[in-house]
Amino acid sequence: MITLTLIAVTVIAIMLTKITGFAAAALILIYARMTGRFSLRDSILLLALIALPLAVLEISTGLLSAYTRNVFELFSMNEGSILSRLAFIGAMQFDILAALFAIWIMALLLDRENILGAIYANGSLAARIRNAISLPSVRFSVLLIASLAFELQNTGSQEYVFLWPAMVAFLREAWRQSRRLNLVMMLAIAFATIPVAVYIFHRAARNANASIRYVPLDAGEIGRLDAVSTRQSFALRAQVIGEHYAQNREAYEKLSRNGESPSIDISVEPDFQFLWLMQARDAITALRKLEKDRNRPVESMLVMDFADPITRAMGKPTPRLVQIGRDPDRTIRWIDAAAREEIAKTEILLAPACPPLPIRDRLLEKFQLVLDQRTKVPLTPCWDIYIKKPGAS
């Protein structure tokens, strides 16, 4: 019962946070049931432990149905990129995937007689199928498919580590036998695991050593994110480059209109990420000053960017029916009439402007019908706000 409860809690958590993780978990659980690792009674109980909390959540909030609709909408927006994502995964993780596919091929070769024997053995069809799919090669195949499904959303986020238990089983079998193919299998497993382990330990040790010299953001305005720290060189560069962007907005706006960013990988650069948090801190400081000058709080806000620590830090409500993680290419297809009506009730819309980026421009285009009904006002050198025009409801 404890095991089933832990599985149910894990599945619910994965489902509500990472849908490709849920797809991988569901595939593994279905496989476990097909191979008899769960009895029918345990399967029904597990299904109830998963379904009942989700049913309560749906009845009380409607969250599950809304979440499901959003998932299907996101899938329809990204279905054309699945093959390109797989190609990207293959290119980015070629060394690990090559070793994993070598392991898979060798596992099938080692199990070929057992697979044929299970299929043509005496007994019922269900028993023969169960015996065939219970073999190590088939188990590894299922886990490999689950891993690839998981990787479709965030490439490089799990390094296929949940394949390691299956590879340990292969190692135990290879250790008991002296067949040449088993020795090659052990070599392939080493290529699939040792580089990952070394990389993880190396990065952990390096970061632990370097973090001693890190400087904190020291920005209580953004709540717990003020615990973020970085190298002093990144912090200094963020300060300098932020002022540079603010002083040269027109030049970077022209660059953005031509479809280019200051750097091709700007969103993953540590100094840019640190700069973004500094700018979020500045926006919160300016908004609080605005509230003090007007002698009344801002009632509601919407930040038109992918990430938004601002409304959470200030405890402000945001409009319903607007996707979070606002990506014009992957999450927001359009702003429909219902969403525009909700946004129209929002007092202030915020847009980051340092530096102007093509992806930010495309996101603002999605909100254009809403922005046309508002007046653009500078909040800080790197933030603009859109307020309702006089007389607008």
Protein backbone atom coordinates (compact mmCIF):
# COMPACT_ATOMS: atom_id res chain seq x y z
CA MET A 1 0.00 0.00 0.00
CA ILE A 2 2.86 2.36 0.82
CA THR A 3 4.47 1.63 -2.54
CA LEU A 4 1.23 2.23 -4.42
CA THR A 5 0.66 5.50 -2.56
CA LEU A 6 4.16 6.73 -3.38
CA ILE A 7 3.66 5.82 -7.05
CA ALA A 8 0.30 7.62 -7.13
CA VAL A 9 1.71 10.77 -5.52
CA THR A 10 4.64 10.75 -7.95
CA VAL A 11 2.41 10.26 -11.00
CA ILE A 12 0.06 13.08 -9.96
CA ALA A 13 3.00 15.42 -9.33
CA ILE A 14 4.56 14.58 -12.69
CA MET A 15 1.26 14.95 -14.51
CA LEU A 16 0.68 18.45 -13.16
CA THR A 17 4.22 19.65 -13.83
CA LYS A 18 5.66 17.90 -16.90
CA ILE A 19 3.31 16.20 -19.33
CA THR A 20 6.04 14.29 -21.20
CA GLY A 21 7.18 12.94 -17.83
CA PHE A 22 3.63 11.72 -17.24
CA ALA A 23 3.60 10.07 -20.69
CA ALA A 24 6.82 8.25 -19.82
CA ALA A 25 5.46 7.21 -16.40
CA ALA A 26 2.18 5.98 -17.90
CA LEU A 27 4.03 3.86 -20.45
CA ILE A 28 6.16 2.29 -17.73
CA LEU A 29 3.13 1.59 -15.51
CA ILE A 30 1.19 0.01 -18.38
CA TYR A 31 4.19 -2.17 -19.13
CA ALA A 32 4.46 -3.14 -15.45
CA ARG A 33 0.82 -4.22 -15.45
CA MET A 34 1.22 -6.20 -18.70
CA THR A 35 4.17 -8.10 -17.28
CA GLY A 36 2.34 -8.94 -14.06
CA ARG A 37 4.37 -6.76 -11.73
CA PHE A 38 1.05 -5.36 -10.50
CA SER A 39 -1.89 -7.59 -9.73
CA LEU A 40 -5.30 -6.61 -11.03
CA ARG A 41 -6.29 -5.61 -7.50
CA ASP A 42 -3.21 -3.41 -7.09
CA SER A 43 -3.77 -1.86 -10.51
CA ILE A 44 -7.35 -0.90 -9.64
CA LEU A 45 -6.22 0.47 -6.29
CA LEU A 46 -3.42 2.48 -7.93
CA LEU A 47 -5.85 3.87 -10.50
CA ALA A 48 -8.19 4.91 -7.68
CA LEU A 49 -5.35 6.55 -5.74
CA ILE A 50 -4.51 8.60 -8.84
CA ALA A 51 -8.04 9.31 -10.02
CA LEU A 52 -9.70 10.34 -6.75
CA PRO A 53 -7.43 13.32 -5.91
CA LEU A 54 -7.61 14.45 -9.54
CA ALA A 55 -11.41 14.17 -9.47
CA VAL A 56 -11.57 16.28 -6.29
CA LEU A 57 -9.25 18.83 -7.91
CA GLU A 58 -11.39 18.93 -11.05
CA ILE A 59 -14.70 19.26 -9.23
CA SER A 60 -13.44 21.99 -6.92
CA THR A 61 -11.41 24.06 -9.41
CA GLY A 62 -11.90 22.74 -12.96
CA LEU A 63 -8.10 22.68 -13.19
CA LEU A 64 -7.73 19.24 -14.74
CA SER A 65 -10.01 19.83 -17.72
CA ALA A 66 -8.45 23.24 -18.39
CA TYR A 67 -4.98 21.73 -18.09
CA THR A 68 -5.89 18.91 -20.48
CA ARG A 69 -7.25 21.38 -23.06
CA ASN A 70 -4.04 23.40 -22.83
CA VAL A 71 -1.92 20.27 -23.25
CA PHE A 72 -3.75 19.30 -26.43
CA GLU A 73 -3.51 22.86 -27.70
CA LEU A 74 0.23 22.93 -27.04
CA PHE A 75 0.62 19.56 -28.72
CA SER A 76 -1.21 20.80 -31.81
CA MET A 77 1.07 23.85 -31.89
CA ASN A 78 4.22 21.74 -31.64
CA GLU A 79 3.33 18.52 -33.47
CA GLY A 80 5.16 19.68 -36.59
CA SER A 81 8.37 20.04 -34.62
CA ILE A 82 8.48 16.54 -33.11
CA LEU A 83 10.71 15.12 -35.86
CA SER A 84 13.02 18.14 -35.66
CA ARG A 85 13.16 17.74 -31.87
CA LEU A 86 14.14 14.10 -32.28
CA ALA A 87 16.82 15.10 -34.77
CA PHE A 88 18.08 17.75 -32.36
CA ILE A 89 18.19 15.22 -29.51
CA GLY A 90 20.13 12.83 -31.74
CA ALA A 91 22.67 15.51 -32.61
CA MET A 92 23.02 16.93 -29.11
CA GLN A 93 23.26 13.59 -27.28
CA PHE A 94 24.75 11.45 -30.02
CA ASP A 95 27.42 9.86 -27.81
CA ILE A 96 24.97 8.66 -25.15
CA LEU A 97 22.27 7.65 -27.64
CA ALA A 98 24.74 5.72 -29.78
CA ALA A 99 25.79 3.70 -26.73
CA LEU A 100 22.16 3.18 -25.67
CA PHE A 101 21.12 1.94 -29.11
CA ALA A 102 24.15 -0.36 -29.16
CA ILE A 103 23.00 -1.77 -25.81
CA TRP A 104 19.49 -2.18 -27.19
CA ILE A 105 20.68 -4.06 -30.30
CA MET A 106 22.91 -6.36 -28.23
CA ALA A 107 20.11 -6.99 -25.74
CA LEU A 108 17.84 -8.09 -28.58
CA LEU A 109 20.58 -10.35 -29.97
CA LEU A 110 21.19 -11.91 -26.56
CA ASP A 111 17.45 -12.43 -26.05
CA ARG A 112 16.55 -13.56 -29.57
CA GLU A 113 16.32 -17.23 -28.64
CA ASN A 114 14.35 -16.46 -25.49
CA ILE A 115 11.93 -14.25 -27.43
CA LEU A 116 11.30 -16.96 -30.03
CA GLY A 117 11.05 -19.59 -27.31
CA ALA A 118 8.49 -17.55 -25.39
CA ILE A 119 6.40 -16.94 -28.50
CA TYR A 120 6.33 -20.58 -29.64
CA ALA A 121 6.10 -22.14 -26.18
CA ASN A 122 3.09 -24.12 -25.02
CA GLY A 123 0.42 -22.31 -23.08
CA SER A 124 -2.16 -19.60 -23.58
CA LEU A 125 -1.54 -16.66 -25.89
CA ALA A 126 -1.67 -14.23 -22.95
CA ALA A 127 0.95 -16.22 -21.04
CA ARG A 128 3.25 -16.41 -24.06
CA ILE A 129 2.97 -12.67 -24.68
CA ARG A 130 3.64 -11.95 -21.00
CA ASN A 131 6.72 -14.16 -21.02
CA ALA A 132 8.01 -12.51 -24.21
CA ILE A 133 7.56 -8.91 -23.06
CA SER A 134 9.04 -9.69 -19.62
CA LEU A 135 12.47 -10.30 -21.14
CA PRO A 136 15.25 -7.78 -20.36
CA SER A 137 15.56 -6.61 -23.97
CA VAL A 138 11.86 -5.71 -24.16
CA ARG A 139 11.99 -4.00 -20.76
CA PHE A 140 14.95 -1.94 -21.92
CA SER A 141 13.08 -1.08 -25.16
CA VAL A 142 10.12 0.28 -23.21
CA LEU A 143 12.35 2.34 -20.94
CA LEU A 144 14.27 3.70 -23.93
CA ILE A 145 11.05 4.81 -25.64
CA ALA A 146 9.88 6.41 -22.37
CA SER A 147 13.21 8.25 -22.09
CA LEU A 148 12.94 9.66 -25.60
CA ALA A 149 9.36 10.77 -24.94
CA PHE A 150 10.51 12.51 -21.77
CA GLU A 151 13.33 14.26 -23.63
CA LEU A 152 11.01 15.80 -26.25
CA GLN A 153 10.12 18.69 -23.96
CA ASN A 154 13.39 19.61 -22.25
CA THR A 155 16.42 18.25 -24.04
CA GLY A 156 19.26 17.18 -21.76
CA SER A 157 17.25 17.37 -18.55
CA GLN A 158 17.59 13.80 -17.30
CA GLU A 159 20.50 12.18 -19.19
CA TYR A 160 18.62 8.84 -19.36
CA VAL A 161 19.52 8.00 -15.76
CA PHE A 162 16.34 5.98 -15.21
CA LEU A 163 17.71 3.49 -17.76
CA TRP A 164 20.55 2.73 -15.36
CA PRO A 165 18.67 0.10 -13.28
CA ALA A 166 18.01 -1.87 -16.48
CA MET A 167 21.69 -1.57 -17.40
CA VAL A 168 22.68 -2.82 -13.94
CA ALA A 169 20.60 -5.93 -14.66
CA PHE A 170 22.48 -6.37 -17.94
CA LEU A 171 25.79 -6.02 -16.10
CA ARG A 172 24.83 -8.68 -13.57
CA GLU A 173 23.95 -11.07 -16.38
CA ALA A 174 27.09 -10.23 -18.34
CA TRP A 175 29.21 -10.82 -15.21
CA ARG A 176 27.84 -14.35 -14.83
CA GLN A 177 28.57 -15.24 -18.45
CA SER A 178 31.73 -15.00 -20.50
CA ARG A 179 30.20 -14.62 -23.98
CA ARG A 180 31.96 -12.11 -26.19
CA LEU A 181 28.75 -10.17 -26.82
CA ASN A 182 28.33 -9.67 -23.08
CA LEU A 183 31.78 -8.13 -22.90
CA VAL A 184 30.85 -5.71 -25.70
CA MET A 185 27.63 -4.96 -23.79
CA MET A 186 29.65 -4.04 -20.70
CA LEU A 187 31.78 -1.68 -22.80
CA ALA A 188 28.68 0.01 -24.28
CA ILE A 189 27.19 0.43 -20.80
CA ALA A 190 30.42 2.07 -19.69
CA PHE A 191 30.19 4.52 -22.61
CA ALA A 192 26.55 5.31 -21.72
CA THR A 193 27.06 5.89 -18.00
CA ILE A 194 30.61 6.88 -17.09
CA PRO A 195 30.68 10.15 -19.13
CA VAL A 196 27.38 11.21 -17.55
CA ALA A 197 28.53 10.37 -14.02
CA VAL A 198 31.86 12.13 -14.52
CA TYR A 199 30.12 15.19 -15.97
CA ILE A 200 27.67 15.40 -13.06
CA PHE A 201 30.35 15.01 -10.37
CA HIS A 202 32.69 17.40 -12.18
CA ARG A 203 30.06 20.12 -12.48
CA ALA A 204 28.93 19.62 -8.89
CA ALA A 205 32.49 19.91 -7.56
CA ARG A 206 33.28 22.86 -9.80
CA ASN A 207 30.12 24.74 -8.83
CA ALA A 208 30.64 24.04 -5.13
CA ASN A 209 34.17 25.42 -5.35
CA ALA A 210 33.23 28.42 -7.51
CA SER A 211 30.15 29.33 -5.45
CA ILE A 212 32.40 30.43 -2.58
CA ARG A 213 33.34 33.44 -4.70
CA TYR A 214 29.83 34.11 -6.06
CA VAL A 215 28.05 37.37 -5.34
CA PRO A 216 24.33 37.37 -4.44
CA LEU A 217 21.65 39.28 -6.26
CA ASP A 218 20.63 40.79 -2.90
CA ALA A 219 17.21 41.87 -4.09
CA GLY A 220 14.59 41.22 -1.47
CA GLU A 221 11.98 42.76 -3.76
CA ILE A 222 11.71 39.56 -5.78
CA GLY A 223 11.24 37.23 -2.83
CA ARG A 224 13.16 33.99 -2.67
CA LEU A 225 14.85 34.69 -6.00
CA ASP A 226 17.10 37.11 -4.17
CA ALA A 227 19.06 34.01 -3.14
CA VAL A 228 20.37 33.72 -6.71
CA SER A 229 24.10 34.30 -6.99
CA THR A 230 26.63 34.30 -9.83
CA ARG A 231 30.24 34.98 -10.62
CA GLN A 232 31.35 38.50 -9.89
CA SER A 233 32.37 38.92 -13.55
CA PHE A 234 28.85 37.98 -14.69
CA ALA A 235 27.28 40.37 -12.16
CA LEU A 236 29.51 43.24 -13.26
CA ARG A 237 28.85 42.50 -16.93
CA ALA A 238 25.11 42.37 -16.28
CA GLN A 239 25.26 45.82 -14.70
CA VAL A 240 27.30 47.33 -17.54
CA ILE A 241 25.44 45.64 -20.38
CA GLY A 242 22.07 46.56 -18.84
CA GLU A 243 22.99 50.24 -18.84
CA HIS A 244 24.29 49.85 -22.38
CA TYR A 245 21.01 48.32 -23.58
CA ALA A 246 19.02 51.12 -21.89
CA GLN A 247 21.13 53.84 -23.51
CA ASN A 248 20.99 52.28 -26.98
CA ARG A 249 17.46 50.97 -27.21
CA GLU A 250 16.89 52.37 -30.69
CA ALA A 251 19.86 50.47 -32.14
CA TYR A 252 18.75 47.19 -30.60
CA GLU A 253 15.14 47.78 -31.69
CA LYS A 254 16.41 48.02 -35.26
CA LEU A 255 18.41 44.83 -34.80
CA SER A 256 15.33 43.08 -33.41
CA ARG A 257 13.17 44.24 -36.31
CA ASN A 258 15.68 42.51 -38.58
CA GLY A 259 15.07 39.30 -36.65
CA GLU A 260 18.34 39.24 -34.71
CA SER A 261 19.29 39.25 -31.03
CA PRO A 262 22.45 40.73 -29.49
CA SER A 263 23.61 37.11 -29.10
CA ILE A 264 22.33 33.97 -30.75
CA ASP A 265 22.12 32.17 -27.37
CA ILE A 266 21.27 35.19 -25.23
CA SER A 267 18.54 33.46 -23.19
CA VAL A 268 20.95 30.85 -21.80
CA GLU A 269 23.81 33.22 -21.02
CA PRO A 270 24.33 33.56 -17.22
CA ASP A 271 24.93 37.31 -17.34
CA PHE A 272 21.68 37.86 -19.26
CA GLN A 273 19.72 35.72 -16.79
CA PHE A 274 21.22 37.67 -13.89
CA LEU A 275 20.41 40.91 -15.70
CA TRP A 276 16.80 39.80 -16.14
CA LEU A 277 16.43 39.35 -12.38
CA MET A 278 18.05 42.73 -11.76
CA GLN A 279 15.56 44.30 -14.14
CA ALA A 280 12.67 42.49 -12.42
CA ARG A 281 13.90 43.97 -9.13
CA ASP A 282 13.98 47.44 -10.71
CA ALA A 283 10.45 46.99 -12.07
CA ILE A 284 9.10 46.04 -8.64
CA THR A 285 10.84 49.00 -7.04
CA ALA A 286 9.36 51.35 -9.65
CA LEU A 287 5.88 49.86 -9.30
CA ARG A 288 5.94 50.29 -5.54
CA LYS A 289 7.02 53.89 -5.99
CA LEU A 290 4.14 54.33 -8.45
CA GLU A 291 1.72 52.95 -5.88
CA LYS A 292 3.10 55.32 -3.24
CA ASP A 293 2.88 58.35 -5.54
CA ARG A 294 -0.72 57.52 -6.48
CA ASN A 295 -1.56 56.61 -2.90
CA ARG A 296 -3.29 53.42 -4.01
CA PRO A 297 -2.10 49.92 -4.95
CA VAL A 298 -1.98 48.48 -8.44
CA GLU A 299 -5.00 46.19 -8.60
CA SER A 300 -3.79 43.67 -11.21
CA MET A 301 -0.91 43.14 -13.61
CA LEU A 302 0.21 41.07 -16.57
CA VAL A 303 3.87 40.65 -17.51
CA MET A 304 4.28 40.05 -21.24
CA ASP A 305 7.36 37.86 -21.12
CA PHE A 306 8.14 34.15 -20.77
CA ALA A 307 8.92 34.31 -17.05
CA ASP A 308 7.18 36.40 -14.43
CA PRO A 309 8.45 36.62 -10.84
CA ILE A 310 7.05 40.13 -10.52
CA THR A 311 3.34 39.53 -9.93
CA ARG A 312 4.10 36.71 -7.50
CA ALA A 313 6.58 38.82 -5.53
CA MET A 314 4.11 41.70 -5.33
CA GLY A 315 1.10 39.48 -4.61
CA LYS A 316 -0.88 40.86 -7.54
CA PRO A 317 -3.58 38.93 -9.43
CA THR A 318 -3.12 38.24 -13.12
CA PRO A 319 -5.80 37.75 -15.78
CA ARG A 320 -7.34 34.35 -16.34
CA LEU A 321 -7.24 32.50 -19.68
CA VAL A 322 -3.72 33.72 -20.52
CA GLN A 323 -1.04 31.07 -20.82
CA ILE A 324 1.86 31.17 -18.39
CA GLY A 325 5.31 30.53 -19.81
CA ARG A 326 4.42 32.97 -22.58
CA ASP A 327 6.24 31.81 -25.70
CA PRO A 328 4.81 33.14 -28.98
CA ASP A 329 6.13 30.13 -30.89
CA ARG A 330 5.28 27.27 -28.53
CA THR A 331 2.57 28.22 -26.03
CA ILE A 332 0.51 31.15 -27.32
CA ARG A 333 -1.12 30.70 -30.69
CA TRP A 334 -3.43 33.67 -30.38
CA ILE A 335 -5.25 35.79 -27.78
CA ASP A 336 -8.92 34.97 -28.24
CA ALA A 337 -11.88 37.19 -27.41
CA ALA A 338 -12.41 35.67 -23.96
CA ALA A 339 -8.77 36.22 -23.03
CA ARG A 340 -8.85 39.79 -24.40
CA GLU A 341 -11.87 40.48 -22.22
CA GLU A 342 -9.99 39.25 -19.15
CA ILE A 343 -6.89 41.28 -20.06
CA ALA A 344 -9.03 44.38 -20.55
CA LYS A 345 -9.89 44.22 -16.84
CA THR A 346 -6.19 44.21 -15.91
CA GLU A 347 -4.91 47.55 -14.70
CA ILE A 348 -1.29 47.43 -15.90
CA LEU A 349 0.49 45.42 -18.59
CA LEU A 350 4.29 45.28 -18.35
CA ALA A 351 6.75 44.63 -21.18
CA PRO A 352 10.54 44.27 -20.84
CA ALA A 353 12.49 46.35 -23.32
CA CYS A 354 16.20 45.83 -22.59
CA PRO A 355 17.24 44.48 -24.89
CA PRO A 356 14.54 44.29 -27.55
CA LEU A 357 14.43 40.70 -28.82
CA PRO A 358 12.61 39.16 -31.80
CA ILE A 359 10.80 36.70 -29.53
CA ARG A 360 9.59 39.58 -27.35
CA ASP A 361 8.43 41.46 -30.45
CA ARG A 362 6.48 38.41 -31.63
CA LEU A 363 4.88 38.08 -28.21
CA LEU A 364 3.76 41.73 -28.22
CA GLU A 365 2.22 41.14 -31.66
CA LYS A 366 -0.01 38.49 -30.07
CA PHE A 367 -1.29 41.14 -27.64
CA GLN A 368 -1.53 43.89 -30.26
CA LEU A 369 -5.34 44.18 -30.24
CA VAL A 370 -5.19 44.71 -26.47
CA LEU A 371 -2.26 47.11 -26.61
CA ASP A 372 -4.03 49.29 -29.18
CA GLN A 373 -6.56 50.15 -26.49
CA ARG A 374 -3.87 51.36 -24.08
CA THR A 375 -1.21 54.02 -23.70
CA LYS A 376 2.45 53.04 -23.52
CA VAL A 377 4.36 54.72 -20.67
CA PRO A 378 8.01 54.18 -19.62
CA LEU A 379 8.27 52.66 -16.15
CA THR A 380 12.05 52.34 -16.03
CA PRO A 381 14.70 52.63 -18.75
CA CYS A 382 14.14 48.92 -19.41
CA TRP A 383 10.42 48.44 -18.72
CA ASP A 384 7.32 49.85 -20.38
CA ILE A 385 3.82 49.71 -18.97
CA TYR A 386 0.56 49.88 -20.87
CA ILE A 387 -2.22 51.64 -19.03
CA LYS A 388 -5.85 52.11 -19.91
CA LYS A 389 -6.63 55.17 -21.97
CA PRO A 390 -8.73 57.85 -20.26
CA GLY A 391 -12.39 56.90 -20.43
CA ALA A 392 -11.66 53.24 -21.20
CA SER A 393 -13.49 50.70 -19.08
